[in-house]
Amino acid sequence: PESVWCVQSTGRIVVTGTTSGLVRIFDTNCSQQKSVLQGHLGAVAGLECDEDKMVTSSFDGCIRVWDWRTLKCRGLMSMPILATGPAAHPPRCSRLVYDDNTV
């Protein structure tokens, strides 16, 4: 079953990152899901939004930058995942902060 791992609100829009790797976008005015973004292969661990873009991080070791206008991924960065054995968990990013040039 899918669960919500992280959430961000921009006023009338709520964005959730899920354990299945999906990013779900909801409109609070009509209480309906508007879009689903696919791309992460692991749980979405962190997300941050501004007027132009959304940045998501995942246990798959990737950071994705999404364009609000097109809802397409416009950038992808890989992060190293440190593992000490089969039961190891990647580090959780609970707050992702960025500006126009850095993540």
C-alpha atoms as a PDB file:
ATOM      1  CA  PRO A   1       0.000   0.000   0.000  1.00  0.00           C
ATOM      2  CA  GLU A   2       1.071   3.556  -0.746  1.00  0.00           C
ATOM      3  CA  SER A   3       1.504   6.107   2.037  1.00  0.00           C
ATOM      4  CA  VAL A   4       2.410   9.775   2.161  1.00  0.00           C
ATOM      5  CA  TRP A   5       6.028  10.350   3.207  1.00  0.00           C
ATOM      6  CA  CYS A   6       6.176  14.157   2.887  1.00  0.00           C
ATOM      7  CA  VAL A   7       3.833  17.048   2.130  1.00  0.00           C
ATOM      8  CA  GLN A   8       4.140  20.667   0.995  1.00  0.00           C
ATOM      9  CA  SER A   9       1.380  23.267   0.644  1.00  0.00           C
ATOM     10  CA  THR A  10       1.480  26.342  -1.574  1.00  0.00           C
ATOM     11  CA  GLY A  11      -1.922  27.711  -0.560  1.00  0.00           C
ATOM     12  CA  ARG A  12      -4.512  26.213  -2.875  1.00  0.00           C
ATOM     13  CA  ILE A  13      -2.201  23.370  -3.973  1.00  0.00           C
ATOM     14  CA  VAL A  14      -1.025  20.482  -1.786  1.00  0.00           C
ATOM     15  CA  VAL A  15       1.801  18.261  -3.018  1.00  0.00           C
ATOM     16  CA  THR A  16       2.580  14.870  -1.492  1.00  0.00           C
ATOM     17  CA  GLY A  17       5.576  12.585  -1.891  1.00  0.00           C
ATOM     18  CA  THR A  18       4.674   8.930  -1.543  1.00  0.00           C
ATOM     19  CA  THR A  19       6.368   5.713  -0.533  1.00  0.00           C
ATOM     20  CA  SER A  20       5.741   4.373  -4.052  1.00  0.00           C
ATOM     21  CA  GLY A  21       7.857   7.165  -5.607  1.00  0.00           C
ATOM     22  CA  LEU A  22       4.944   9.200  -6.959  1.00  0.00           C
ATOM     23  CA  VAL A  23       4.394  12.925  -6.463  1.00  0.00           C
ATOM     24  CA  ARG A  24       0.688  13.707  -6.206  1.00  0.00           C
ATOM     25  CA  ILE A  25      -0.713  17.223  -6.705  1.00  0.00           C
ATOM     26  CA  PHE A  26      -4.074  18.171  -5.181  1.00  0.00           C
ATOM     27  CA  ASP A  27      -6.233  21.272  -5.601  1.00  0.00           C
ATOM     28  CA  THR A  28      -7.707  22.278  -2.242  1.00  0.00           C
ATOM     29  CA  ASN A  29     -10.482  24.325  -3.891  1.00  0.00           C
ATOM     30  CA  CYS A  30     -12.147  21.200  -5.260  1.00  0.00           C
ATOM     31  CA  SER A  31     -10.440  18.602  -3.008  1.00  0.00           C
ATOM     32  CA  GLN A  32      -9.361  16.563  -6.022  1.00  0.00           C
ATOM     33  CA  GLN A  33      -6.110  15.140  -7.283  1.00  0.00           C
ATOM     34  CA  LYS A  34      -4.980  17.133 -10.323  1.00  0.00           C
ATOM     35  CA  SER A  35      -1.748  15.405 -11.403  1.00  0.00           C
ATOM     36  CA  VAL A  36       0.601  12.533 -10.668  1.00  0.00           C
ATOM     37  CA  LEU A  37       4.307  12.913 -11.449  1.00  0.00           C
ATOM     38  CA  GLN A  38       6.355   9.778 -12.047  1.00  0.00           C
ATOM     39  CA  GLY A  39      10.111   9.459 -12.149  1.00  0.00           C
ATOM     40  CA  HIS A  40      11.460   8.380  -8.759  1.00  0.00           C
ATOM     41  CA  LEU A  41      12.168   4.686  -8.194  1.00  0.00           C
ATOM     42  CA  GLY A  42      12.110   4.965  -4.395  1.00  0.00           C
ATOM     43  CA  ALA A  43      10.001   6.746  -1.798  1.00  0.00           C
ATOM     44  CA  VAL A  44       9.897  10.535  -2.176  1.00  0.00           C
ATOM     45  CA  ALA A  45      11.627  11.708   0.995  1.00  0.00           C
ATOM     46  CA  GLY A  46      11.543  15.508   0.590  1.00  0.00           C
ATOM     47  CA  LEU A  47      10.005  18.204  -1.545  1.00  0.00           C
ATOM     48  CA  GLU A  48      10.079  21.979  -1.818  1.00  0.00           C
ATOM     49  CA  CYS A  49       8.018  24.273  -4.051  1.00  0.00           C
ATOM     50  CA  ASP A  50       8.127  27.838  -5.328  1.00  0.00           C
ATOM     51  CA  GLU A  51       6.243  29.691  -8.098  1.00  0.00           C
ATOM     52  CA  ASP A  52       8.237  28.137 -10.987  1.00  0.00           C
ATOM     53  CA  LYS A  53       9.409  24.758  -9.862  1.00  0.00           C
ATOM     54  CA  MET A  54       9.263  21.909  -7.428  1.00  0.00           C
ATOM     55  CA  VAL A  55      12.301  19.960  -6.206  1.00  0.00           C
ATOM     56  CA  THR A  56      11.933  16.397  -4.952  1.00  0.00           C
ATOM     57  CA  SER A  57      14.416  14.007  -3.361  1.00  0.00           C
ATOM     58  CA  SER A  58      14.035  10.264  -3.112  1.00  0.00           C
ATOM     59  CA  PHE A  59      15.486   7.129  -1.587  1.00  0.00           C
ATOM     60  CA  ASP A  60      16.447   6.200  -5.157  1.00  0.00           C
ATOM     61  CA  GLY A  61      19.373   8.610  -4.732  1.00  0.00           C
ATOM     62  CA  CYS A  62      18.056  11.263  -7.122  1.00  0.00           C
ATOM     63  CA  ILE A  63      16.944  14.872  -6.857  1.00  0.00           C
ATOM     64  CA  ARG A  64      14.498  15.972  -9.549  1.00  0.00           C
ATOM     65  CA  VAL A  65      13.544  19.522 -10.518  1.00  0.00           C
ATOM     66  CA  TRP A  66       9.993  19.763 -11.940  1.00  0.00           C
ATOM     67  CA  ASP A  67       8.540  22.619 -13.980  1.00  0.00           C
ATOM     68  CA  TRP A  68       5.157  23.800 -12.626  1.00  0.00           C
ATOM     69  CA  ARG A  69       3.976  24.980 -16.063  1.00  0.00           C
ATOM     70  CA  THR A  70       4.614  21.711 -17.924  1.00  0.00           C
ATOM     71  CA  LEU A  71       4.773  19.317 -14.926  1.00  0.00           C
ATOM     72  CA  LYS A  72       7.812  17.736 -16.596  1.00  0.00           C
ATOM     73  CA  CYS A  73      11.149  16.958 -14.992  1.00  0.00           C
ATOM     74  CA  ARG A  74      13.616  19.603 -16.152  1.00  0.00           C
ATOM     75  CA  GLY A  75      16.623  18.466 -14.144  1.00  0.00           C
ATOM     76  CA  LEU A  76      18.018  15.350 -12.502  1.00  0.00           C
ATOM     77  CA  MET A  77      20.896  15.046 -10.034  1.00  0.00           C
ATOM     78  CA  SER A  78      22.242  11.891  -8.417  1.00  0.00           C
ATOM     79  CA  MET A  79      23.209  11.640  -4.760  1.00  0.00           C
ATOM     80  CA  PRO A  80      25.440   8.876  -3.375  1.00  0.00           C
ATOM     81  CA  ILE A  81      23.640   6.357  -1.187  1.00  0.00           C
ATOM     82  CA  LEU A  82      25.720   4.833   1.582  1.00  0.00           C
ATOM     83  CA  ALA A  83      24.797   1.269   2.484  1.00  0.00           C
ATOM     84  CA  THR A  84      26.237  -0.966   5.162  1.00  0.00           C
ATOM     85  CA  GLY A  85      24.270  -4.086   4.339  1.00  0.00           C
ATOM     86  CA  PRO A  86      20.960  -5.372   3.015  1.00  0.00           C
ATOM     87  CA  ALA A  87      18.966  -3.747   5.815  1.00  0.00           C
ATOM     88  CA  ALA A  88      20.579  -0.310   5.408  1.00  0.00           C
ATOM     89  CA  HIS A  89      18.345   2.666   4.721  1.00  0.00           C
ATOM     90  CA  PRO A  90      19.421   5.709   2.696  1.00  0.00           C
ATOM     91  CA  PRO A  91      19.551   9.006   4.592  1.00  0.00           C
ATOM     92  CA  ARG A  92      16.193  10.740   4.780  1.00  0.00           C
ATOM     93  CA  CYS A  93      15.964  14.299   3.561  1.00  0.00           C
ATOM     94  CA  SER A  94      13.262  15.830   5.727  1.00  0.00           C
ATOM     95  CA  ARG A  95      13.669  19.389   4.424  1.00  0.00           C
ATOM     96  CA  LEU A  96      14.948  20.269   0.986  1.00  0.00           C
ATOM     97  CA  VAL A  97      15.928  23.921   0.522  1.00  0.00           C
ATOM     98  CA  TYR A  98      17.074  25.487  -2.703  1.00  0.00           C
ATOM     99  CA  ASP A  99      17.469  28.755  -4.559  1.00  0.00           C
ATOM    100  CA  ASP A 100      17.690  29.388  -8.306  1.00  0.00           C
ATOM    101  CA  ASN A 101      21.246  28.071  -8.558  1.00  0.00           C
ATOM    102  CA  THR A 102      21.764  25.453  -5.859  1.00  0.00           C
ATOM    103  CA  VAL A 103      19.951  22.605  -4.186  1.00  0.00           C
END
